[in-house]
């Protein structure tokens, strides 16, 4: 992962963690666990998907769908 991509992934991750805490009342360790163990995070970290150039809100919507359905669609 190059530095620019890493910077973008970290920024999105920070925002998504904040959304999880705000919307679901998760504590920080729970929010971190939910996101880092998700298929969404795996896709975000994969340069081939291009997900890292999308908005934080868009990535969060993907994560919410994954959490609701139990898998990434």
C-alpha atoms as a PDB file:
ATOM      1  CA  UNK A   1       0.000   0.000   0.000  1.00  0.00           C
ATOM      2  CA  UNK A   2       1.511   3.327  -1.010  1.00  0.00           C
ATOM      3  CA  UNK A   3       1.536   6.321   1.335  1.00  0.00           C
ATOM      4  CA  UNK A   4      -1.305   8.170  -0.387  1.00  0.00           C
ATOM      5  CA  UNK A   5      -3.574   5.144  -0.303  1.00  0.00           C
ATOM      6  CA  UNK A   6      -2.641   4.452   3.320  1.00  0.00           C
ATOM      7  CA  UNK A   7      -3.507   8.051   4.220  1.00  0.00           C
ATOM      8  CA  UNK A   8      -6.920   7.758   2.536  1.00  0.00           C
ATOM      9  CA  UNK A   9      -7.671   4.381   4.146  1.00  0.00           C
ATOM     10  CA  UNK A  10      -6.749   5.726   7.586  1.00  0.00           C
ATOM     11  CA  UNK A  11      -8.977   8.786   7.119  1.00  0.00           C
ATOM     12  CA  UNK A  12     -11.958   6.695   6.047  1.00  0.00           C
ATOM     13  CA  UNK A  13     -11.323   4.248   8.891  1.00  0.00           C
ATOM     14  CA  UNK A  14     -11.315   7.081  11.424  1.00  0.00           C
ATOM     15  CA  UNK A  15     -14.631   8.376  10.110  1.00  0.00           C
ATOM     16  CA  UNK A  16     -16.297   4.953   9.919  1.00  0.00           C
ATOM     17  CA  UNK A  17     -15.264   4.168  13.499  1.00  0.00           C
ATOM     18  CA  UNK A  18     -16.788   7.481  14.598  1.00  0.00           C
ATOM     19  CA  UNK A  19     -20.019   6.651  12.706  1.00  0.00           C
ATOM     20  CA  UNK A  20     -20.228   3.248  14.407  1.00  0.00           C
ATOM     21  CA  UNK A  21     -19.788   4.820  17.830  1.00  0.00           C
ATOM     22  CA  UNK A  22     -22.314   7.584  17.129  1.00  0.00           C
ATOM     23  CA  UNK A  23     -25.000   5.513  15.401  1.00  0.00           C
ATOM     24  CA  UNK A  24     -24.770   2.286  17.391  1.00  0.00           C
ATOM     25  CA  UNK A  25     -23.474   3.411  20.758  1.00  0.00           C
ATOM     26  CA  UNK A  26     -20.451   1.122  20.465  1.00  0.00           C
ATOM     27  CA  UNK A  27     -17.460   1.704  22.669  1.00  0.00           C
ATOM     28  CA  UNK A  28     -14.163   2.234  20.867  1.00  0.00           C
ATOM     29  CA  UNK A  29     -12.852  -1.359  21.142  1.00  0.00           C
ATOM     30  CA  UNK A  30     -16.135  -2.767  19.805  1.00  0.00           C
ATOM     31  CA  UNK A  31     -16.238  -0.317  16.900  1.00  0.00           C
ATOM     32  CA  UNK A  32     -12.622  -1.101  16.014  1.00  0.00           C
ATOM     33  CA  UNK A  33     -13.287  -4.844  16.144  1.00  0.00           C
ATOM     34  CA  UNK A  34     -16.425  -4.572  13.979  1.00  0.00           C
ATOM     35  CA  UNK A  35     -14.705  -2.567  11.282  1.00  0.00           C
ATOM     36  CA  UNK A  36     -11.272  -4.194  11.188  1.00  0.00           C
ATOM     37  CA  UNK A  37     -12.823  -7.689  11.072  1.00  0.00           C
ATOM     38  CA  UNK A  38     -15.256  -6.793   8.278  1.00  0.00           C
ATOM     39  CA  UNK A  39     -15.130  -7.674   4.608  1.00  0.00           C
ATOM     40  CA  UNK A  40     -15.651  -3.954   3.974  1.00  0.00           C
ATOM     41  CA  UNK A  41     -12.314  -3.137   5.602  1.00  0.00           C
ATOM     42  CA  UNK A  42     -10.618  -5.879   3.600  1.00  0.00           C
ATOM     43  CA  UNK A  43     -12.015  -4.368   0.387  1.00  0.00           C
ATOM     44  CA  UNK A  44     -11.061  -0.846   1.508  1.00  0.00           C
ATOM     45  CA  UNK A  45      -7.477  -2.000   2.036  1.00  0.00           C
ATOM     46  CA  UNK A  46      -7.319  -3.713  -1.366  1.00  0.00           C
ATOM     47  CA  UNK A  47      -5.944  -1.269  -3.916  1.00  0.00           C
ATOM     48  CA  UNK A  48      -7.589  -3.183  -6.782  1.00  0.00           C
ATOM     49  CA  UNK A  49     -11.107  -2.334  -5.551  1.00  0.00           C
ATOM     50  CA  UNK A  50     -10.578   1.431  -5.601  1.00  0.00           C
ATOM     51  CA  UNK A  51     -12.841   1.723  -2.554  1.00  0.00           C
ATOM     52  CA  UNK A  52     -10.259   3.907  -0.813  1.00  0.00           C
ATOM     53  CA  UNK A  53     -11.112   6.814  -3.165  1.00  0.00           C
ATOM     54  CA  UNK A  54     -14.796   6.800  -2.173  1.00  0.00           C
ATOM     55  CA  UNK A  55     -16.265   8.917   0.600  1.00  0.00           C
ATOM     56  CA  UNK A  56     -16.347   7.797   4.212  1.00  0.00           C
ATOM     57  CA  UNK A  57     -20.148   7.893   4.151  1.00  0.00           C
ATOM     58  CA  UNK A  58     -20.237   5.580   1.123  1.00  0.00           C
ATOM     59  CA  UNK A  59     -17.910   3.080   2.794  1.00  0.00           C
ATOM     60  CA  UNK A  60     -20.034   3.264   5.955  1.00  0.00           C
ATOM     61  CA  UNK A  61     -23.172   2.441   3.960  1.00  0.00           C
ATOM     62  CA  UNK A  62     -21.419  -0.625   2.575  1.00  0.00           C
ATOM     63  CA  UNK A  63     -20.416  -1.634   6.107  1.00  0.00           C
ATOM     64  CA  UNK A  64     -23.960  -1.144   7.421  1.00  0.00           C
ATOM     65  CA  UNK A  65     -25.302  -3.394   4.684  1.00  0.00           C
ATOM     66  CA  UNK A  66     -22.664  -6.003   5.505  1.00  0.00           C
ATOM     67  CA  UNK A  67     -23.508  -5.900   9.205  1.00  0.00           C
ATOM     68  CA  UNK A  68     -27.245  -6.143   8.520  1.00  0.00           C
ATOM     69  CA  UNK A  69     -26.930  -8.998   6.020  1.00  0.00           C
ATOM     70  CA  UNK A  70     -24.092 -10.831   7.747  1.00  0.00           C
ATOM     71  CA  UNK A  71     -21.902 -10.620   4.664  1.00  0.00           C
ATOM     72  CA  UNK A  72     -20.825  -8.231   1.958  1.00  0.00           C
ATOM     73  CA  UNK A  73     -23.164  -8.125  -1.009  1.00  0.00           C
END
